[in-house]
C-alpha cells in the first residue's frame, strides 16, 4: 500500500511542475507579443486616452 501512495505523491509533484512550465511559456509568449507590437499598442493606448480626454471635457 505504501508503494501505491508513494507513486501517487510523485505523480502529484510531477503535475505541479508541468503547471509551472505552462505558466512560464504563456508569460514568454505574452512578453514576446508586447515587444513585437509595442509601437502599435502604444499608439492604440494614446488614441484611446486622447478620445477619453476629449469626450470628458465636453461633459
PDB file of N, CA and C in Angstrom:
ATOM      1  N   UNK A   1       0.805  -1.189   0.000  1.00  0.00           N
ATOM      2  CA  UNK A   1       0.000   0.000   0.000  1.00  0.00           C
ATOM      3  C   UNK A   1       0.854   1.262   0.000  1.00  0.00           C
ATOM      4  N   UNK A   2       1.965   1.243   0.706  1.00  0.00           N
ATOM      5  CA  UNK A   2       2.814   2.432   0.765  1.00  0.00           C
ATOM      6  C   UNK A   2       3.461   2.732  -0.586  1.00  0.00           C
ATOM      7  N   UNK A   3       3.725   1.702  -1.375  1.00  0.00           N
ATOM      8  CA  UNK A   3       4.293   1.928  -2.710  1.00  0.00           C
ATOM      9  C   UNK A   3       3.289   2.659  -3.588  1.00  0.00           C
ATOM     10  N   UNK A   4       2.036   2.321  -3.448  1.00  0.00           N
ATOM     11  CA  UNK A   4       0.981   2.978  -4.220  1.00  0.00           C
ATOM     12  C   UNK A   4       0.857   4.451  -3.808  1.00  0.00           C
ATOM     13  N   UNK A   5       0.925   4.715  -2.532  1.00  0.00           N
ATOM     14  CA  UNK A   5       0.854   6.088  -2.027  1.00  0.00           C
ATOM     15  C   UNK A   5       2.054   6.904  -2.488  1.00  0.00           C
ATOM     16  N   UNK A   6       3.212   6.285  -2.471  1.00  0.00           N
ATOM     17  CA  UNK A   6       4.425   6.961  -2.911  1.00  0.00           C
ATOM     18  C   UNK A   6       4.316   7.327  -4.393  1.00  0.00           C
ATOM     19  N   UNK A   7       3.806   6.408  -5.185  1.00  0.00           N
ATOM     20  CA  UNK A   7       3.627   6.665  -6.619  1.00  0.00           C
ATOM     21  C   UNK A   7       2.633   7.807  -6.834  1.00  0.00           C
ATOM     22  N   UNK A   8       1.570   7.831  -6.068  1.00  0.00           N
ATOM     23  CA  UNK A   8       0.575   8.891  -6.189  1.00  0.00           C
ATOM     24  C   UNK A   8       1.180  10.242  -5.828  1.00  0.00           C
ATOM     25  N   UNK A   9       1.978  10.291  -4.780  1.00  0.00           N
ATOM     26  CA  UNK A   9       2.631  11.551  -4.391  1.00  0.00           C
ATOM     27  C   UNK A   9       3.587  12.040  -5.471  1.00  0.00           C
ATOM     28  N   UNK A  10       4.357  11.137  -6.038  1.00  0.00           N
ATOM     29  CA  UNK A  10       5.286  11.515  -7.109  1.00  0.00           C
ATOM     30  C   UNK A  10       4.527  12.058  -8.320  1.00  0.00           C
ATOM     31  N   UNK A  11       3.396  11.440  -8.636  1.00  0.00           N
ATOM     32  CA  UNK A  11       2.587  11.911  -9.760  1.00  0.00           C
ATOM     33  C   UNK A  11       2.073  13.321  -9.500  1.00  0.00           C
ATOM     34  N   UNK A  12       1.616  13.588  -8.304  1.00  0.00           N
ATOM     35  CA  UNK A  12       1.111  14.919  -7.967  1.00  0.00           C
ATOM     36  C   UNK A  12       2.219  15.967  -8.053  1.00  0.00           C
ATOM     37  N   UNK A  13       3.387  15.633  -7.596  1.00  0.00           N
ATOM     38  CA  UNK A  13       4.514  16.571  -7.682  1.00  0.00           C
ATOM     39  C   UNK A  13       4.891  16.837  -9.123  1.00  0.00           C
ATOM     40  N   UNK A  14       4.838  15.812  -9.950  1.00  0.00           N
ATOM     41  CA  UNK A  14       5.158  15.959 -11.363  1.00  0.00           C
ATOM     42  C   UNK A  14       4.166  16.887 -12.050  1.00  0.00           C
ATOM     43  N   UNK A  15       2.899  16.775 -11.704  1.00  0.00           N
ATOM     44  CA  UNK A  15       1.876  17.626 -12.301  1.00  0.00           C
ATOM     45  C   UNK A  15       2.093  19.093 -11.929  1.00  0.00           C
ATOM     46  N   UNK A  16       2.551  19.375 -10.730  1.00  0.00           N
ATOM     47  CA  UNK A  16       2.829  20.756 -10.330  1.00  0.00           C
ATOM     48  C   UNK A  16       3.905  21.363 -11.215  1.00  0.00           C
ATOM     49  N   UNK A  17       4.913  20.606 -11.525  1.00  0.00           N
ATOM     50  CA  UNK A  17       5.992  21.111 -12.366  1.00  0.00           C
ATOM     51  C   UNK A  17       5.487  21.428 -13.765  1.00  0.00           C
ATOM     52  N   UNK A  18       4.580  20.629 -14.279  1.00  0.00           N
ATOM     53  CA  UNK A  18       4.021  20.885 -15.608  1.00  0.00           C
ATOM     54  C   UNK A  18       3.255  22.200 -15.598  1.00  0.00           C
ATOM     55  N   UNK A  19       2.512  22.480 -14.543  1.00  0.00           N
ATOM     56  CA  UNK A  19       1.765  23.731 -14.448  1.00  0.00           C
ATOM     57  C   UNK A  19       2.682  24.939 -14.436  1.00  0.00           C
ATOM     58  N   UNK A  20       3.799  24.839 -13.755  1.00  0.00           N
ATOM     59  CA  UNK A  20       4.760  25.943 -13.705  1.00  0.00           C
ATOM     60  C   UNK A  20       5.346  26.195 -15.089  1.00  0.00           C
ATOM     61  N   UNK A  21       5.683  25.135 -15.788  1.00  0.00           N
ATOM     62  CA  UNK A  21       6.238  25.274 -17.141  1.00  0.00           C
ATOM     63  C   UNK A  21       5.211  25.918 -18.065  1.00  0.00           C
ATOM     64  N   UNK A  22       3.956  25.535 -17.958  1.00  0.00           N
ATOM     65  CA  UNK A  22       2.910  26.137 -18.787  1.00  0.00           C
ATOM     66  C   UNK A  22       2.784  27.627 -18.518  1.00  0.00           C
ATOM     67  N   UNK A  23       2.807  28.020 -17.262  1.00  0.00           N
ATOM     68  CA  UNK A  23       2.692  29.438 -16.913  1.00  0.00           C
ATOM     69  C   UNK A  23       3.881  30.218 -17.457  1.00  0.00           C
ATOM     70  N   UNK A  24       5.070  29.658 -17.337  1.00  0.00           N
ATOM     71  CA  UNK A  24       6.265  30.334 -17.857  1.00  0.00           C
ATOM     72  C   UNK A  24       6.172  30.490 -19.365  1.00  0.00           C
ATOM     73  N   UNK A  25       5.728  29.459 -20.075  1.00  0.00           N
ATOM     74  CA  UNK A  25       5.592  29.555 -21.530  1.00  0.00           C
ATOM     75  C   UNK A  25       4.560  30.603 -21.935  1.00  0.00           C
ATOM     76  N   UNK A  26       3.454  30.665 -21.219  1.00  0.00           N
ATOM     77  CA  UNK A  26       2.441  31.675 -21.522  1.00  0.00           C
ATOM     78  C   UNK A  26       2.998  33.073 -21.303  1.00  0.00           C
ATOM     79  N   UNK A  27       3.736  33.277 -20.221  1.00  0.00           N
ATOM     80  CA  UNK A  27       4.346  34.588 -19.961  1.00  0.00           C
ATOM     81  C   UNK A  27       5.347  34.965 -21.041  1.00  0.00           C
ATOM     82  N   UNK A  28       6.141  34.002 -21.487  1.00  0.00           N
ATOM     83  CA  UNK A  28       7.122  34.270 -22.540  1.00  0.00           C
ATOM     84  C   UNK A  28       6.414  34.694 -23.820  1.00  0.00           C
ATOM     85  N   UNK A  29       5.333  34.018 -24.177  1.00  0.00           N
ATOM     86  CA  UNK A  29       4.583  34.372 -25.389  1.00  0.00           C
ATOM     87  C   UNK A  29       3.983  35.763 -25.254  1.00  0.00           C
ATOM     88  N   UNK A  30       3.377  36.074 -24.110  1.00  0.00           N
ATOM     89  CA  UNK A  30       2.774  37.389 -23.922  1.00  0.00           C
ATOM     90  C   UNK A  30       3.812  38.507 -23.971  1.00  0.00           C
ATOM     91  N   UNK A  31       4.945  38.300 -23.327  1.00  0.00           N
ATOM     92  CA  UNK A  31       6.006  39.307 -23.344  1.00  0.00           C
ATOM     93  C   UNK A  31       6.541  39.496 -24.755  1.00  0.00           C
ATOM     94  N   UNK A  32       6.683  38.406 -25.500  1.00  0.00           N
ATOM     95  CA  UNK A  32       7.153  38.496 -26.882  1.00  0.00           C
ATOM     96  C   UNK A  32       6.177  39.291 -27.731  1.00  0.00           C
ATOM     97  N   UNK A  33       4.881  39.049 -27.556  1.00  0.00           N
ATOM     98  CA  UNK A  33       3.883  39.795 -28.325  1.00  0.00           C
ATOM     99  C   UNK A  33       3.916  41.282 -27.991  1.00  0.00           C
ATOM    100  N   UNK A  34       4.098  41.599 -26.722  1.00  0.00           N
ATOM    101  CA  UNK A  34       4.184  43.006 -26.328  1.00  0.00           C
ATOM    102  C   UNK A  34       5.405  43.660 -26.955  1.00  0.00           C
ATOM    103  N   UNK A  35       6.519  42.962 -26.964  1.00  0.00           N
ATOM    104  CA  UNK A  35       7.737  43.517 -27.558  1.00  0.00           C
ATOM    105  C   UNK A  35       7.566  43.709 -29.061  1.00  0.00           C
ATOM    106  N   UNK A  36       6.963  42.724 -29.731  1.00  0.00           N
ATOM    107  CA  UNK A  36       6.790  42.799 -31.182  1.00  0.00           C
ATOM    108  C   UNK A  36       5.841  43.936 -31.557  1.00  0.00           C
ATOM    109  N   UNK A  37       4.738  44.071 -30.834  1.00  0.00           N
ATOM    110  CA  UNK A  37       3.708  45.052 -31.189  1.00  0.00           C
ATOM    111  C   UNK A  37       3.721  46.272 -30.273  1.00  0.00           C
ATOM    112  N   UNK A  38       4.881  46.609 -29.723  1.00  0.00           N
ATOM    113  CA  UNK A  38       4.987  47.704 -28.759  1.00  0.00           C
ATOM    114  C   UNK A  38       4.502  49.029 -29.341  1.00  0.00           C
ATOM    115  N   UNK A  39       4.952  49.358 -30.531  1.00  0.00           N
ATOM    116  CA  UNK A  39       4.584  50.646 -31.136  1.00  0.00           C
ATOM    117  C   UNK A  39       3.086  50.718 -31.421  1.00  0.00           C
ATOM    118  N   UNK A  40       2.526  49.649 -31.957  1.00  0.00           N
ATOM    119  CA  UNK A  40       1.099  49.634 -32.245  1.00  0.00           C
ATOM    120  C   UNK A  40       0.276  49.738 -30.962  1.00  0.00           C
ATOM    121  N   UNK A  41       0.707  49.042 -29.910  1.00  0.00           N
ATOM    122  CA  UNK A  41      -0.007  49.117 -28.637  1.00  0.00           C
ATOM    123  C   UNK A  41       0.079  50.513 -28.028  1.00  0.00           C
ATOM    124  N   UNK A  42       1.237  51.126 -28.128  1.00  0.00           N
ATOM    125  CA  UNK A  42       1.409  52.482 -27.607  1.00  0.00           C
ATOM    126  C   UNK A  42       0.502  53.457 -28.338  1.00  0.00           C
ATOM    127  N   UNK A  43       0.453  53.354 -29.658  1.00  0.00           N
ATOM    128  CA  UNK A  43      -0.415  54.241 -30.445  1.00  0.00           C
ATOM    129  C   UNK A  43      -1.882  54.018 -30.111  1.00  0.00           C
ATOM    130  N   UNK A  44      -2.280  52.776 -29.914  1.00  0.00           N
ATOM    131  CA  UNK A  44      -3.662  52.471 -29.577  1.00  0.00           C
ATOM    132  C   UNK A  44      -4.042  53.070 -28.229  1.00  0.00           C
ATOM    133  N   UNK A  45      -3.184  52.903 -27.231  1.00  0.00           N
ATOM    134  CA  UNK A  45      -3.469  53.444 -25.901  1.00  0.00           C
ATOM    135  C   UNK A  45      -3.519  54.969 -25.937  1.00  0.00           C
ATOM    136  N   UNK A  46      -2.614  55.580 -26.657  1.00  0.00           N
ATOM    137  CA  UNK A  46      -2.629  57.052 -26.766  1.00  0.00           C
ATOM    138  C   UNK A  46      -3.912  57.532 -27.433  1.00  0.00           C
ATOM    139  N   UNK A  47      -4.331  56.834 -28.477  1.00  0.00           N
ATOM    140  CA  UNK A  47      -5.567  57.204 -29.172  1.00  0.00           C
ATOM    141  C   UNK A  47      -6.770  57.083 -28.253  1.00  0.00           C
ATOM    142  N   UNK A  48      -6.851  56.002 -27.518  1.00  0.00           N
ATOM    143  CA  UNK A  48      -7.975  55.797 -26.604  1.00  0.00           C
ATOM    144  C   UNK A  48      -7.977  56.866 -25.508  1.00  0.00           C
ATOM    145  N   UNK A  49      -6.821  57.134 -24.922  1.00  0.00           N
ATOM    146  CA  UNK A  49      -6.749  58.161 -23.879  1.00  0.00           C
ATOM    147  C   UNK A  49      -7.081  59.547 -24.420  1.00  0.00           C
ATOM    148  N   UNK A  50      -6.677  59.822 -25.628  1.00  0.00           N
ATOM    149  CA  UNK A  50      -6.990  61.102 -26.258  1.00  0.00           C
ATOM    150  C   UNK A  50      -8.491  61.252 -26.431  1.00  0.00           C
ATOM    151  N   UNK A  51      -9.147  60.217 -26.905  1.00  0.00           N
ATOM    152  CA  UNK A  51     -10.607  60.271 -27.080  1.00  0.00           C
ATOM    153  C   UNK A  51     -11.309  60.435 -25.747  1.00  0.00           C
ATOM    154  N   UNK A  52     -10.838  59.736 -24.724  1.00  0.00           N
ATOM    155  CA  UNK A  52     -11.437  59.857 -23.398  1.00  0.00           C
ATOM    156  C   UNK A  52     -11.302  61.283 -22.882  1.00  0.00           C
ATOM    157  N   UNK A  53     -10.126  61.865 -23.072  1.00  0.00           N
ATOM    158  CA  UNK A  53      -9.889  63.234 -22.606  1.00  0.00           C
ATOM    159  C   UNK A  53     -10.794  64.222 -23.332  1.00  0.00           C
ATOM    160  N   UNK A  54     -10.907  64.087 -24.650  1.00  0.00           N
ATOM    161  CA  UNK A  54     -11.745  64.996 -25.436  1.00  0.00           C
ATOM    162  C   UNK A  54     -13.203  64.875 -25.032  1.00  0.00           C
ATOM    163  N   UNK A  55     -13.674  63.650 -24.837  1.00  0.00           N
ATOM    164  CA  UNK A  55     -15.077  63.454 -24.500  1.00  0.00           C
ATOM    165  C   UNK A  55     -15.371  63.863 -23.058  1.00  0.00           C
ATOM    166  N   UNK A  56     -14.406  63.742 -22.166  1.00  0.00           N
ATOM    167  CA  UNK A  56     -14.647  64.153 -20.773  1.00  0.00           C
ATOM    168  C   UNK A  56     -14.688  65.672 -20.657  1.00  0.00           C
ATOM    169  N   UNK A  57     -13.998  66.368 -21.525  1.00  0.00           N
ATOM    170  CA  UNK A  57     -14.040  67.836 -21.500  1.00  0.00           C
ATOM    171  C   UNK A  57     -15.390  68.363 -21.947  1.00  0.00           C
ATOM    172  N   UNK A  58     -16.082  67.610 -22.788  1.00  0.00           N
ATOM    173  CA  UNK A  58     -17.396  68.066 -23.285  1.00  0.00           C
ATOM    174  C   UNK A  58     -18.512  67.854 -22.274  1.00  0.00           C
ATOM    175  N   UNK A  59     -18.268  67.112 -21.232  1.00  0.00           N
ATOM    176  CA  UNK A  59     -19.318  66.849 -20.240  1.00  0.00           C
ATOM    177  C   UNK A  59     -19.510  67.992 -19.316  1.00  0.00           C
TER     178      UNK A  59
END
